[in-house]
Amino acid sequence: MNKKSVLIVEDDVDLREAYVMILESENIDVHAAENGKVALDLLAEKGDPGIIFLDLRMPVMNGIEFLEAYKPELHEDTHVVVFSNYDAKKEIDDAYDLGAERYVLKARAAPKELIRIVRTILA
């Protein structure tokens, strides 16, 4: 991966594929993983992207566990955006404490919002 690429970490296959299609339609280099463990393996193999869109509630390794293992503060050029349908204050606080830069509710984010976030961060 490179600093202009995006990693989507999402367990819902339909959402994951939709996000990939949306970003690819804008000529953005996209990679995807179905949980935090697969994401860590992909990062170890391909290197850091510019942005990680991270769901929180996933099987095998959830988003909080991923952040604990990945340690975003050690990856200064990678921006972590939590992209979740859960707005529990504790989860939001935990994500920020562990290095997430933004927290976006999926239900409130249209495809254009996803593209806007990518364009803003990678500009």
PDB file of N, CA and C in Angstrom:
ATOM      1  N   MET A   1       0.848  -1.174   0.000  1.00  0.00           N
ATOM      2  CA  MET A   1       0.000   0.000   0.000  1.00  0.00           C
ATOM      3  C   MET A   1       0.892   1.235   0.000  1.00  0.00           C
ATOM      4  N   ASN A   2       0.278   2.369  -0.233  1.00  0.00           N
ATOM      5  CA  ASN A   2       1.030   3.621  -0.205  1.00  0.00           C
ATOM      6  C   ASN A   2       0.203   4.697   0.484  1.00  0.00           C
ATOM      7  N   LYS A   3       0.755   5.867   0.615  1.00  0.00           N
ATOM      8  CA  LYS A   3       0.100   6.937   1.369  1.00  0.00           C
ATOM      9  C   LYS A   3      -1.126   7.502   0.668  1.00  0.00           C
ATOM     10  N   LYS A   4      -1.375   7.108  -0.552  1.00  0.00           N
ATOM     11  CA  LYS A   4      -2.577   7.539  -1.259  1.00  0.00           C
ATOM     12  C   LYS A   4      -3.614   6.418  -1.335  1.00  0.00           C
ATOM     13  N   SER A   5      -3.380   5.334  -0.612  1.00  0.00           N
ATOM     14  CA  SER A   5      -4.325   4.216  -0.640  1.00  0.00           C
ATOM     15  C   SER A   5      -5.173   4.200   0.626  1.00  0.00           C
ATOM     16  N   VAL A   6      -6.237   3.403   0.569  1.00  0.00           N
ATOM     17  CA  VAL A   6      -7.210   3.299   1.657  1.00  0.00           C
ATOM     18  C   VAL A   6      -7.398   1.832   2.003  1.00  0.00           C
ATOM     19  N   LEU A   7      -7.493   1.547   3.285  1.00  0.00           N
ATOM     20  CA  LEU A   7      -7.829   0.204   3.763  1.00  0.00           C
ATOM     21  C   LEU A   7      -9.186   0.276   4.443  1.00  0.00           C
ATOM     22  N   ILE A   8     -10.124  -0.539   3.972  1.00  0.00           N
ATOM     23  CA  ILE A   8     -11.452  -0.658   4.573  1.00  0.00           C
ATOM     24  C   ILE A   8     -11.448  -1.906   5.440  1.00  0.00           C
ATOM     25  N   VAL A   9     -11.758  -1.757   6.732  1.00  0.00           N
ATOM     26  CA  VAL A   9     -11.841  -2.899   7.641  1.00  0.00           C
ATOM     27  C   VAL A   9     -13.295  -2.991   8.086  1.00  0.00           C
ATOM     28  N   GLU A  10     -14.022  -3.933   7.498  1.00  0.00           N
ATOM     29  CA  GLU A  10     -15.473  -4.037   7.672  1.00  0.00           C
ATOM     30  C   GLU A  10     -15.891  -5.491   7.521  1.00  0.00           C
ATOM     31  N   ASP A  11     -16.648  -6.007   8.492  1.00  0.00           N
ATOM     32  CA  ASP A  11     -17.045  -7.412   8.435  1.00  0.00           C
ATOM     33  C   ASP A  11     -18.256  -7.668   7.543  1.00  0.00           C
ATOM     34  N   ASP A  12     -19.097  -6.682   7.330  1.00  0.00           N
ATOM     35  CA  ASP A  12     -20.276  -6.857   6.481  1.00  0.00           C
ATOM     36  C   ASP A  12     -19.821  -6.846   5.019  1.00  0.00           C
ATOM     37  N   VAL A  13     -19.932  -7.994   4.374  1.00  0.00           N
ATOM     38  CA  VAL A  13     -19.387  -8.141   3.018  1.00  0.00           C
ATOM     39  C   VAL A  13     -20.041  -7.172   2.039  1.00  0.00           C
ATOM     40  N   ASP A  14     -21.350  -6.956   2.155  1.00  0.00           N
ATOM     41  CA  ASP A  14     -22.030  -6.051   1.229  1.00  0.00           C
ATOM     42  C   ASP A  14     -21.539  -4.611   1.398  1.00  0.00           C
ATOM     43  N   LEU A  15     -21.418  -4.172   2.649  1.00  0.00           N
ATOM     44  CA  LEU A  15     -20.903  -2.821   2.894  1.00  0.00           C
ATOM     45  C   LEU A  15     -19.458  -2.691   2.435  1.00  0.00           C
ATOM     46  N   ARG A  16     -18.653  -3.695   2.764  1.00  0.00           N
ATOM     47  CA  ARG A  16     -17.236  -3.663   2.382  1.00  0.00           C
ATOM     48  C   ARG A  16     -17.105  -3.532   0.866  1.00  0.00           C
ATOM     49  N   GLU A  17     -17.838  -4.352   0.139  1.00  0.00           N
ATOM     50  CA  GLU A  17     -17.769  -4.303  -1.324  1.00  0.00           C
ATOM     51  C   GLU A  17     -18.296  -2.980  -1.863  1.00  0.00           C
ATOM     52  N   ALA A  18     -19.337  -2.434  -1.230  1.00  0.00           N
ATOM     53  CA  ALA A  18     -19.881  -1.144  -1.673  1.00  0.00           C
ATOM     54  C   ALA A  18     -18.859  -0.028  -1.474  1.00  0.00           C
ATOM     55  N   TYR A  19     -18.198  -0.010  -0.308  1.00  0.00           N
ATOM     56  CA  TYR A  19     -17.185   1.018  -0.053  1.00  0.00           C
ATOM     57  C   TYR A  19     -16.033   0.907  -1.050  1.00  0.00           C
ATOM     58  N   VAL A  20     -15.617  -0.312  -1.332  1.00  0.00           N
ATOM     59  CA  VAL A  20     -14.537  -0.518  -2.300  1.00  0.00           C
ATOM     60  C   VAL A  20     -14.962   0.009  -3.670  1.00  0.00           C
ATOM     61  N   MET A  21     -16.170  -0.334  -4.103  1.00  0.00           N
ATOM     62  CA  MET A  21     -16.658   0.123  -5.412  1.00  0.00           C
ATOM     63  C   MET A  21     -16.743   1.646  -5.481  1.00  0.00           C
ATOM     64  N   ILE A  22     -17.257   2.263  -4.412  1.00  0.00           N
ATOM     65  CA  ILE A  22     -17.391   3.724  -4.382  1.00  0.00           C
ATOM     66  C   ILE A  22     -16.022   4.386  -4.534  1.00  0.00           C
ATOM     67  N   LEU A  23     -15.057   3.921  -3.771  1.00  0.00           N
ATOM     68  CA  LEU A  23     -13.733   4.539  -3.817  1.00  0.00           C
ATOM     69  C   LEU A  23     -13.001   4.225  -5.116  1.00  0.00           C
ATOM     70  N   GLU A  24     -13.126   2.998  -5.602  1.00  0.00           N
ATOM     71  CA  GLU A  24     -12.488   2.661  -6.879  1.00  0.00           C
ATOM     72  C   GLU A  24     -13.076   3.482  -8.026  1.00  0.00           C
ATOM     73  N   SER A  25     -14.367   3.814  -7.939  1.00  0.00           N
ATOM     74  CA  SER A  25     -14.989   4.620  -8.996  1.00  0.00           C
ATOM     75  C   SER A  25     -14.394   6.029  -9.049  1.00  0.00           C
ATOM     76  N   GLU A  26     -13.716   6.422  -7.978  1.00  0.00           N
ATOM     77  CA  GLU A  26     -13.031   7.715  -7.912  1.00  0.00           C
ATOM     78  C   GLU A  26     -11.522   7.562  -8.127  1.00  0.00           C
ATOM     79  N   ASN A  27     -11.125   6.398  -8.646  1.00  0.00           N
ATOM     80  CA  ASN A  27      -9.714   6.094  -8.923  1.00  0.00           C
ATOM     81  C   ASN A  27      -8.834   6.136  -7.673  1.00  0.00           C
ATOM     82  N   ILE A  28      -9.396   5.671  -6.570  1.00  0.00           N
ATOM     83  CA  ILE A  28      -8.654   5.583  -5.315  1.00  0.00           C
ATOM     84  C   ILE A  28      -8.220   4.138  -5.131  1.00  0.00           C
ATOM     85  N   ASP A  29      -6.960   3.938  -4.774  1.00  0.00           N
ATOM     86  CA  ASP A  29      -6.408   2.604  -4.526  1.00  0.00           C
ATOM     87  C   ASP A  29      -6.973   2.087  -3.203  1.00  0.00           C
ATOM     88  N   VAL A  30      -7.733   0.984  -3.262  1.00  0.00           N
ATOM     89  CA  VAL A  30      -8.442   0.478  -2.081  1.00  0.00           C
ATOM     90  C   VAL A  30      -8.076  -0.975  -1.814  1.00  0.00           C
ATOM     91  N   HIS A  31      -7.907  -1.282  -0.533  1.00  0.00           N
ATOM     92  CA  HIS A  31      -7.718  -2.652  -0.061  1.00  0.00           C
ATOM     93  C   HIS A  31      -8.786  -2.894   0.993  1.00  0.00           C
ATOM     94  N   ALA A  32      -9.108  -4.159   1.259  1.00  0.00           N
ATOM     95  CA  ALA A  32     -10.178  -4.451   2.208  1.00  0.00           C
ATOM     96  C   ALA A  32      -9.836  -5.663   3.058  1.00  0.00           C
ATOM     97  N   ALA A  33     -10.367  -5.646   4.278  1.00  0.00           N
ATOM     98  CA  ALA A  33     -10.193  -6.755   5.219  1.00  0.00           C
ATOM     99  C   ALA A  33     -11.494  -6.929   5.990  1.00  0.00           C
ATOM    100  N   GLU A  34     -11.801  -8.185   6.340  1.00  0.00           N
ATOM    101  CA  GLU A  34     -13.072  -8.462   7.011  1.00  0.00           C
ATOM    102  C   GLU A  34     -13.021  -8.373   8.528  1.00  0.00           C
ATOM    103  N   ASN A  35     -11.841  -8.215   9.092  1.00  0.00           N
ATOM    104  CA  ASN A  35     -11.727  -8.033  10.545  1.00  0.00           C
ATOM    105  C   ASN A  35     -10.336  -7.482  10.863  1.00  0.00           C
ATOM    106  N   GLY A  36     -10.132  -7.157  12.127  1.00  0.00           N
ATOM    107  CA  GLY A  36      -8.868  -6.560  12.532  1.00  0.00           C
ATOM    108  C   GLY A  36      -7.661  -7.448  12.312  1.00  0.00           C
ATOM    109  N   LYS A  37      -7.814  -8.746  12.507  1.00  0.00           N
ATOM    110  CA  LYS A  37      -6.683  -9.668  12.323  1.00  0.00           C
ATOM    111  C   LYS A  37      -6.246  -9.704  10.865  1.00  0.00           C
ATOM    112  N   VAL A  38      -7.205  -9.838   9.972  1.00  0.00           N
ATOM    113  CA  VAL A  38      -6.882  -9.841   8.542  1.00  0.00           C
ATOM    114  C   VAL A  38      -6.244  -8.501   8.152  1.00  0.00           C
ATOM    115  N   ALA A  39      -6.744  -7.419   8.732  1.00  0.00           N
ATOM    116  CA  ALA A  39      -6.171  -6.098   8.447  1.00  0.00           C
ATOM    117  C   ALA A  39      -4.715  -6.020   8.894  1.00  0.00           C
ATOM    118  N   LEU A  40      -4.418  -6.505  10.102  1.00  0.00           N
ATOM    119  CA  LEU A  40      -3.031  -6.489  10.582  1.00  0.00           C
ATOM    120  C   LEU A  40      -2.127  -7.322   9.682  1.00  0.00           C
ATOM    121  N   ASP A  41      -2.616  -8.482   9.245  1.00  0.00           N
ATOM    122  CA  ASP A  41      -1.837  -9.328   8.334  1.00  0.00           C
ATOM    123  C   ASP A  41      -1.579  -8.606   7.010  1.00  0.00           C
ATOM    124  N   LEU A  42      -2.604  -7.945   6.492  1.00  0.00           N
ATOM    125  CA  LEU A  42      -2.476  -7.206   5.235  1.00  0.00           C
ATOM    126  C   LEU A  42      -1.487  -6.045   5.383  1.00  0.00           C
ATOM    127  N   LEU A  43      -1.561  -5.344   6.500  1.00  0.00           N
ATOM    128  CA  LEU A  43      -0.633  -4.240   6.751  1.00  0.00           C
ATOM    129  C   LEU A  43       0.804  -4.733   6.861  1.00  0.00           C
ATOM    130  N   ALA A  44       0.994  -5.877   7.509  1.00  0.00           N
ATOM    131  CA  ALA A  44       2.338  -6.450   7.642  1.00  0.00           C
ATOM    132  C   ALA A  44       2.903  -6.829   6.276  1.00  0.00           C
ATOM    133  N   GLU A  45       2.028  -7.289   5.401  1.00  0.00           N
ATOM    134  CA  GLU A  45       2.455  -7.726   4.065  1.00  0.00           C
ATOM    135  C   GLU A  45       2.651  -6.560   3.100  1.00  0.00           C
ATOM    136  N   LYS A  46       1.732  -5.583   3.121  1.00  0.00           N
ATOM    137  CA  LYS A  46       1.720  -4.547   2.089  1.00  0.00           C
ATOM    138  C   LYS A  46       2.117  -3.158   2.571  1.00  0.00           C
ATOM    139  N   GLY A  47       2.273  -2.965   3.872  1.00  0.00           N
ATOM    140  CA  GLY A  47       2.630  -1.646   4.391  1.00  0.00           C
ATOM    141  C   GLY A  47       1.412  -0.799   4.711  1.00  0.00           C
ATOM    142  N   ASP A  48       1.683   0.398   5.204  1.00  0.00           N
ATOM    143  CA  ASP A  48       0.619   1.283   5.670  1.00  0.00           C
ATOM    144  C   ASP A  48      -0.044   2.058   4.536  1.00  0.00           C
ATOM    145  N   PRO A  49      -1.365   2.223   4.623  1.00  0.00           N
ATOM    146  CA  PRO A  49      -2.085   3.086   3.687  1.00  0.00           C
ATOM    147  C   PRO A  49      -2.120   4.515   4.224  1.00  0.00           C
ATOM    148  N   GLY A  50      -2.728   5.403   3.473  1.00  0.00           N
ATOM    149  CA  GLY A  50      -2.926   6.763   3.956  1.00  0.00           C
ATOM    150  C   GLY A  50      -4.065   6.846   4.951  1.00  0.00           C
ATOM    151  N   ILE A  51      -5.099   6.021   4.732  1.00  0.00           N
ATOM    152  CA  ILE A  51      -6.285   6.034   5.591  1.00  0.00           C
ATOM    153  C   ILE A  51      -6.729   4.609   5.875  1.00  0.00           C
ATOM    154  N   ILE A  52      -7.159   4.385   7.108  1.00  0.00           N
ATOM    155  CA  ILE A  52      -7.837   3.145   7.476  1.00  0.00           C
ATOM    156  C   ILE A  52      -9.240   3.525   7.925  1.00  0.00           C
ATOM    157  N   PHE A  53     -10.256   3.007   7.217  1.00  0.00           N
ATOM    158  CA  PHE A  53     -11.642   3.127   7.672  1.00  0.00           C
ATOM    159  C   PHE A  53     -11.930   1.870   8.473  1.00  0.00           C
ATOM    160  N   LEU A  54     -12.265   2.042   9.738  1.00  0.00           N
ATOM    161  CA  LEU A  54     -12.328   0.926  10.676  1.00  0.00           C
ATOM    162  C   LEU A  54     -13.699   0.787  11.314  1.00  0.00           C
ATOM    163  N   ASP A  55     -14.326  -0.363  11.102  1.00  0.00           N
ATOM    164  CA  ASP A  55     -15.545  -0.699  11.841  1.00  0.00           C
ATOM    165  C   ASP A  55     -15.120  -1.103  13.250  1.00  0.00           C
ATOM    166  N   LEU A  56     -16.026  -1.000  14.212  1.00  0.00           N
ATOM    167  CA  LEU A  56     -15.670  -1.386  15.576  1.00  0.00           C
ATOM    168  C   LEU A  56     -16.108  -2.793  15.930  1.00  0.00           C
ATOM    169  N   ARG A  57     -17.313  -3.147  15.555  1.00  0.00           N
ATOM    170  CA  ARG A  57     -17.852  -4.441  15.976  1.00  0.00           C
ATOM    171  C   ARG A  57     -17.701  -5.462  14.858  1.00  0.00           C
ATOM    172  N   MET A  58     -16.680  -6.294  15.036  1.00  0.00           N
ATOM    173  CA  MET A  58     -16.373  -7.338  14.053  1.00  0.00           C
ATOM    174  C   MET A  58     -15.968  -8.596  14.805  1.00  0.00           C
ATOM    175  N   PRO A  59     -16.155  -9.756  14.173  1.00  0.00           N
ATOM    176  CA  PRO A  59     -15.689 -10.998  14.797  1.00  0.00           C
ATOM    177  C   PRO A  59     -14.163 -11.117  14.707  1.00  0.00           C
ATOM    178  N   VAL A  60     -13.617 -12.061  15.390  1.00  0.00           N
ATOM    179  CA  VAL A  60     -12.194 -12.405  15.408  1.00  0.00           C
ATOM    180  C   VAL A  60     -11.383 -11.329  16.130  1.00  0.00           C
ATOM    181  N   MET A  61     -11.289 -10.132  15.559  1.00  0.00           N
ATOM    182  CA  MET A  61     -10.620  -9.004  16.214  1.00  0.00           C
ATOM    183  C   MET A  61     -11.422  -7.748  15.894  1.00  0.00           C
ATOM    184  N   ASN A  62     -11.999  -7.138  16.932  1.00  0.00           N
ATOM    185  CA  ASN A  62     -12.821  -5.953  16.699  1.00  0.00           C
ATOM    186  C   ASN A  62     -11.955  -4.704  16.510  1.00  0.00           C
ATOM    187  N   GLY A  63     -12.597  -3.581  16.270  1.00  0.00           N
ATOM    188  CA  GLY A  63     -11.869  -2.358  15.980  1.00  0.00           C
ATOM    189  C   GLY A  63     -11.010  -1.850  17.126  1.00  0.00           C
ATOM    190  N   ILE A  64     -11.520  -1.953  18.352  1.00  0.00           N
ATOM    191  CA  ILE A  64     -10.743  -1.513  19.514  1.00  0.00           C
ATOM    192  C   ILE A  64      -9.510  -2.395  19.679  1.00  0.00           C
ATOM    193  N   GLU A  65      -9.679  -3.701  19.538  1.00  0.00           N
ATOM    194  CA  GLU A  65      -8.534  -4.623  19.624  1.00  0.00           C
ATOM    195  C   GLU A  65      -7.523  -4.337  18.515  1.00  0.00           C
ATOM    196  N   PHE A  66      -8.021  -4.009  17.326  1.00  0.00           N
ATOM    197  CA  PHE A  66      -7.131  -3.648  16.223  1.00  0.00           C
ATOM    198  C   PHE A  66      -6.303  -2.415  16.588  1.00  0.00           C
ATOM    199  N   LEU A  67      -6.962  -1.380  17.109  1.00  0.00           N
ATOM    200  CA  LEU A  67      -6.248  -0.157  17.483  1.00  0.00           C
ATOM    201  C   LEU A  67      -5.197  -0.423  18.553  1.00  0.00           C
ATOM    202  N   GLU A  68      -5.523  -1.280  19.510  1.00  0.00           N
ATOM    203  CA  GLU A  68      -4.557  -1.630  20.558  1.00  0.00           C
ATOM    204  C   GLU A  68      -3.326  -2.315  19.965  1.00  0.00           C
ATOM    205  N   ALA A  69      -3.542  -3.176  18.982  1.00  0.00           N
ATOM    206  CA  ALA A  69      -2.430  -3.908  18.360  1.00  0.00           C
ATOM    207  C   ALA A  69      -1.665  -3.040  17.354  1.00  0.00           C
ATOM    208  N   TYR A  70      -2.372  -2.244  16.583  1.00  0.00           N
ATOM    209  CA  TYR A  70      -1.761  -1.444  15.515  1.00  0.00           C
ATOM    210  C   TYR A  70      -0.995  -0.230  16.049  1.00  0.00           C
ATOM    211  N   LYS A  71      -1.510   0.380  17.091  1.00  0.00           N
ATOM    212  CA  LYS A  71      -0.885   1.559  17.710  1.00  0.00           C
ATOM    213  C   LYS A  71      -0.701   2.696  16.696  1.00  0.00           C
ATOM    214  N   PRO A  72      -1.807   3.371  16.342  1.00  0.00           N
ATOM    215  CA  PRO A  72      -1.734   4.431  15.330  1.00  0.00           C
ATOM    216  C   PRO A  72      -0.670   5.495  15.588  1.00  0.00           C
ATOM    217  N   GLU A  73      -0.342   5.749  16.851  1.00  0.00           N
ATOM    218  CA  GLU A  73       0.663   6.781  17.133  1.00  0.00           C
ATOM    219  C   GLU A  73       2.035   6.422  16.573  1.00  0.00           C
ATOM    220  N   LEU A  74       2.252   5.147  16.257  1.00  0.00           N
ATOM    221  CA  LEU A  74       3.515   4.714  15.662  1.00  0.00           C
ATOM    222  C   LEU A  74       3.495   4.804  14.133  1.00  0.00           C
ATOM    223  N   HIS A  75       2.351   5.169  13.588  1.00  0.00           N
ATOM    224  CA  HIS A  75       2.166   5.236  12.132  1.00  0.00           C
ATOM    225  C   HIS A  75       1.656   6.636  11.782  1.00  0.00           C
ATOM    226  N   GLU A  76       2.518   7.622  11.912  1.00  0.00           N
ATOM    227  CA  GLU A  76       2.132   9.028  11.794  1.00  0.00           C
ATOM    228  C   GLU A  76       1.476   9.392  10.471  1.00  0.00           C
ATOM    229  N   ASP A  77       1.828   8.721   9.404  1.00  0.00           N
ATOM    230  CA  ASP A  77       1.291   9.070   8.086  1.00  0.00           C
ATOM    231  C   ASP A  77       0.012   8.323   7.743  1.00  0.00           C
ATOM    232  N   THR A  78      -0.497   7.523   8.664  1.00  0.00           N
ATOM    233  CA  THR A  78      -1.737   6.786   8.440  1.00  0.00           C
ATOM    234  C   THR A  78      -2.821   7.362   9.341  1.00  0.00           C
ATOM    235  N   HIS A  79      -3.942   7.715   8.733  1.00  0.00           N
ATOM    236  CA  HIS A  79      -5.064   8.314   9.455  1.00  0.00           C
ATOM    237  C   HIS A  79      -6.134   7.250   9.682  1.00  0.00           C
ATOM    238  N   VAL A  80      -6.556   7.085  10.933  1.00  0.00           N
ATOM    239  CA  VAL A  80      -7.585   6.096  11.249  1.00  0.00           C
ATOM    240  C   VAL A  80      -8.918   6.809  11.440  1.00  0.00           C
ATOM    241  N   VAL A  81      -9.896   6.403  10.625  1.00  0.00           N
ATOM    242  CA  VAL A  81     -11.254   6.928  10.716  1.00  0.00           C
ATOM    243  C   VAL A  81     -12.157   5.777  11.125  1.00  0.00           C
ATOM    244  N   VAL A  82     -12.750   5.887  12.306  1.00  0.00           N
ATOM    245  CA  VAL A  82     -13.706   4.863  12.729  1.00  0.00           C
ATOM    246  C   VAL A  82     -14.996   5.136  11.982  1.00  0.00           C
ATOM    247  N   PHE A  83     -15.502   4.109  11.330  1.00  0.00           N
ATOM    248  CA  PHE A  83     -16.677   4.194  10.476  1.00  0.00           C
ATOM    249  C   PHE A  83     -17.629   3.131  10.987  1.00  0.00           C
ATOM    250  N   SER A  84     -18.527   3.509  11.894  1.00  0.00           N
ATOM    251  CA  SER A  84     -19.327   2.518  12.600  1.00  0.00           C
ATOM    252  C   SER A  84     -20.773   2.970  12.732  1.00  0.00           C
ATOM    253  N   ASN A  85     -21.661   2.032  12.985  1.00  0.00           N
ATOM    254  CA  ASN A  85     -23.060   2.356  13.255  1.00  0.00           C
ATOM    255  C   ASN A  85     -23.333   2.491  14.737  1.00  0.00           C
ATOM    256  N   TYR A  86     -22.339   2.294  15.550  1.00  0.00           N
ATOM    257  CA  TYR A  86     -22.519   2.349  16.993  1.00  0.00           C
ATOM    258  C   TYR A  86     -22.001   3.674  17.514  1.00  0.00           C
ATOM    259  N   ASP A  87     -22.848   4.334  18.292  1.00  0.00           N
ATOM    260  CA  ASP A  87     -22.441   5.635  18.813  1.00  0.00           C
ATOM    261  C   ASP A  87     -22.387   5.649  20.338  1.00  0.00           C
ATOM    262  N   ALA A  88     -22.016   4.512  20.923  1.00  0.00           N
ATOM    263  CA  ALA A  88     -21.862   4.427  22.372  1.00  0.00           C
ATOM    264  C   ALA A  88     -20.671   5.286  22.791  1.00  0.00           C
ATOM    265  N   LYS A  89     -20.888   6.143  23.766  1.00  0.00           N
ATOM    266  CA  LYS A  89     -19.847   7.078  24.199  1.00  0.00           C
ATOM    267  C   LYS A  89     -18.551   6.369  24.571  1.00  0.00           C
ATOM    268  N   LYS A  90     -18.634   5.249  25.269  1.00  0.00           N
ATOM    269  CA  LYS A  90     -17.418   4.539  25.687  1.00  0.00           C
ATOM    270  C   LYS A  90     -16.615   4.078  24.473  1.00  0.00           C
ATOM    271  N   GLU A  91     -17.280   3.507  23.473  1.00  0.00           N
ATOM    272  CA  GLU A  91     -16.568   3.057  22.272  1.00  0.00           C
ATOM    273  C   GLU A  91     -15.915   4.232  21.543  1.00  0.00           C
ATOM    274  N   ILE A  92     -16.635   5.332  21.454  1.00  0.00           N
ATOM    275  CA  ILE A  92     -16.086   6.513  20.785  1.00  0.00           C
ATOM    276  C   ILE A  92     -14.859   7.014  21.544  1.00  0.00           C
ATOM    277  N   ASP A  93     -15.000   7.140  22.861  1.00  0.00           N
ATOM    278  CA  ASP A  93     -13.874   7.599  23.686  1.00  0.00           C
ATOM    279  C   ASP A  93     -12.681   6.654  23.583  1.00  0.00           C
ATOM    280  N   ASP A  94     -12.953   5.347  23.649  1.00  0.00           N
ATOM    281  CA  ASP A  94     -11.868   4.361  23.537  1.00  0.00           C
ATOM    282  C   ASP A  94     -11.148   4.486  22.196  1.00  0.00           C
ATOM    283  N   ALA A  95     -11.926   4.640  21.121  1.00  0.00           N
ATOM    284  CA  ALA A  95     -11.322   4.757  19.788  1.00  0.00           C
ATOM    285  C   ALA A  95     -10.418   5.989  19.706  1.00  0.00           C
ATOM    286  N   TYR A  96     -10.893   7.120  20.204  1.00  0.00           N
ATOM    287  CA  TYR A  96     -10.064   8.333  20.195  1.00  0.00           C
ATOM    288  C   TYR A  96      -8.828   8.159  21.075  1.00  0.00           C
ATOM    289  N   ASP A  97      -9.016   7.577  22.251  1.00  0.00           N
ATOM    290  CA  ASP A  97      -7.878   7.364  23.160  1.00  0.00           C
ATOM    291  C   ASP A  97      -6.800   6.485  22.534  1.00  0.00           C
ATOM    292  N   LEU A  98      -7.221   5.574  21.649  1.00  0.00           N
ATOM    293  CA  LEU A  98      -6.284   4.645  21.019  1.00  0.00           C
ATOM    294  C   LEU A  98      -5.747   5.148  19.676  1.00  0.00           C
ATOM    295  N   GLY A  99      -6.076   6.380  19.308  1.00  0.00           N
ATOM    296  CA  GLY A  99      -5.455   6.964  18.130  1.00  0.00           C
ATOM    297  C   GLY A  99      -6.336   7.251  16.933  1.00  0.00           C
ATOM    298  N   ALA A 100      -7.628   6.941  17.006  1.00  0.00           N
ATOM    299  CA  ALA A 100      -8.511   7.288  15.889  1.00  0.00           C
ATOM    300  C   ALA A 100      -8.594   8.809  15.779  1.00  0.00           C
ATOM    301  N   GLU A 101      -8.641   9.308  14.557  1.00  0.00           N
ATOM    302  CA  GLU A 101      -8.705  10.757  14.333  1.00  0.00           C
ATOM    303  C   GLU A 101     -10.120  11.253  14.127  1.00  0.00           C
ATOM    304  N   ARG A 102     -10.976  10.382  13.607  1.00  0.00           N
ATOM    305  CA  ARG A 102     -12.373  10.760  13.355  1.00  0.00           C
ATOM    306  C   ARG A 102     -13.266   9.585  13.686  1.00  0.00           C
ATOM    307  N   TYR A 103     -14.523   9.912  13.963  1.00  0.00           N
ATOM    308  CA  TYR A 103     -15.534   8.891  14.225  1.00  0.00           C
ATOM    309  C   TYR A 103     -16.752   9.283  13.405  1.00  0.00           C
ATOM    310  N   VAL A 104     -17.095   8.471  12.417  1.00  0.00           N
ATOM    311  CA  VAL A 104     -18.192   8.771  11.509  1.00  0.00           C
ATOM    312  C   VAL A 104     -19.251   7.686  11.639  1.00  0.00           C
ATOM    313  N   LEU A 105     -20.510   8.107  11.816  1.00  0.00           N
ATOM    314  CA  LEU A 105     -21.606   7.139  11.851  1.00  0.00           C
ATOM    315  C   LEU A 105     -21.961   6.747  10.421  1.00  0.00           C
ATOM    316  N   LYS A 106     -21.896   5.457  10.130  1.00  0.00           N
ATOM    317  CA  LYS A 106     -22.193   4.968   8.776  1.00  0.00           C
ATOM    318  C   LYS A 106     -23.578   5.398   8.321  1.00  0.00           C
ATOM    319  N   ALA A 107     -24.545   5.316   9.237  1.00  0.00           N
ATOM    320  CA  ALA A 107     -25.933   5.616   8.882  1.00  0.00           C
ATOM    321  C   ALA A 107     -26.109   7.062   8.417  1.00  0.00           C
ATOM    322  N   ARG A 108     -25.213   7.937   8.830  1.00  0.00           N
ATOM    323  CA  ARG A 108     -25.321   9.355   8.469  1.00  0.00           C
ATOM    324  C   ARG A 108     -24.370   9.756   7.349  1.00  0.00           C
ATOM    325  N   ALA A 109     -23.609   8.819   6.842  1.00  0.00           N
ATOM    326  CA  ALA A 109     -22.588   9.150   5.844  1.00  0.00           C
ATOM    327  C   ALA A 109     -22.974   8.600   4.474  1.00  0.00           C
ATOM    328  N   ALA A 110     -23.306   9.487   3.582  1.00  0.00           N
ATOM    329  CA  ALA A 110     -23.596   9.101   2.203  1.00  0.00           C
ATOM    330  C   ALA A 110     -22.275   8.790   1.501  1.00  0.00           C
ATOM    331  N   PRO A 111     -22.333   8.100   0.360  1.00  0.00           N
ATOM    332  CA  PRO A 111     -21.098   7.808  -0.381  1.00  0.00           C
ATOM    333  C   PRO A 111     -20.243   9.046  -0.638  1.00  0.00           C
ATOM    334  N   LYS A 112     -20.887  10.175  -0.910  1.00  0.00           N
ATOM    335  CA  LYS A 112     -20.126  11.405  -1.150  1.00  0.00           C
ATOM    336  C   LYS A 112     -19.321  11.811   0.085  1.00  0.00           C
ATOM    337  N   GLU A 113     -19.845  11.509   1.277  1.00  0.00           N
ATOM    338  CA  GLU A 113     -19.122  11.833   2.509  1.00  0.00           C
ATOM    339  C   GLU A 113     -17.846  11.004   2.611  1.00  0.00           C
ATOM    340  N   LEU A 114     -17.933   9.728   2.266  1.00  0.00           N
ATOM    341  CA  LEU A 114     -16.760   8.853   2.269  1.00  0.00           C
ATOM    342  C   LEU A 114     -15.685   9.415   1.329  1.00  0.00           C
ATOM    343  N   ILE A 115     -16.089   9.785   0.144  1.00  0.00           N
ATOM    344  CA  ILE A 115     -15.155  10.348  -0.839  1.00  0.00           C
ATOM    345  C   ILE A 115     -14.580  11.674  -0.342  1.00  0.00           C
ATOM    346  N   ARG A 116     -15.427  12.515   0.254  1.00  0.00           N
ATOM    347  CA  ARG A 116     -14.967  13.805   0.769  1.00  0.00           C
ATOM    348  C   ARG A 116     -13.902  13.617   1.851  1.00  0.00           C
ATOM    349  N   ILE A 117     -14.138  12.659   2.752  1.00  0.00           N
ATOM    350  CA  ILE A 117     -13.166  12.385   3.814  1.00  0.00           C
ATOM    351  C   ILE A 117     -11.829  11.968   3.204  1.00  0.00           C
ATOM    352  N   VAL A 118     -11.884  11.064   2.238  1.00  0.00           N
ATOM    353  CA  VAL A 118     -10.646  10.596   1.597  1.00  0.00           C
ATOM    354  C   VAL A 118      -9.934  11.754   0.909  1.00  0.00           C
ATOM    355  N   ARG A 119     -10.651  12.518   0.136  1.00  0.00           N
ATOM    356  CA  ARG A 119     -10.031  13.637  -0.595  1.00  0.00           C
ATOM    357  C   ARG A 119      -9.432  14.668   0.368  1.00  0.00           C
ATOM    358  N   THR A 120     -10.121  14.940   1.472  1.00  0.00           N
ATOM    359  CA  THR A 120      -9.629  15.917   2.454  1.00  0.00           C
ATOM    360  C   THR A 120      -8.345  15.429   3.110  1.00  0.00           C
ATOM    361  N   ILE A 121      -8.343  14.186   3.546  1.00  0.00           N
ATOM    362  CA  ILE A 121      -7.180  13.656   4.261  1.00  0.00           C
ATOM    363  C   ILE A 121      -5.990  13.452   3.333  1.00  0.00           C
ATOM    364  N   LEU A 122      -6.242  12.954   2.139  1.00  0.00           N
ATOM    365  CA  LEU A 122      -5.137  12.623   1.234  1.00  0.00           C
ATOM    366  C   LEU A 122      -4.691  13.789   0.355  1.00  0.00           C
ATOM    367  N   ALA A 123      -5.333  14.930   0.517  1.00  0.00           N
ATOM    368  CA  ALA A 123      -4.986  16.106  -0.310  1.00  0.00           C
ATOM    369  C   ALA A 123      -3.566  16.567  -0.062  1.00  0.00           C
TER     370      ALA A 123
END
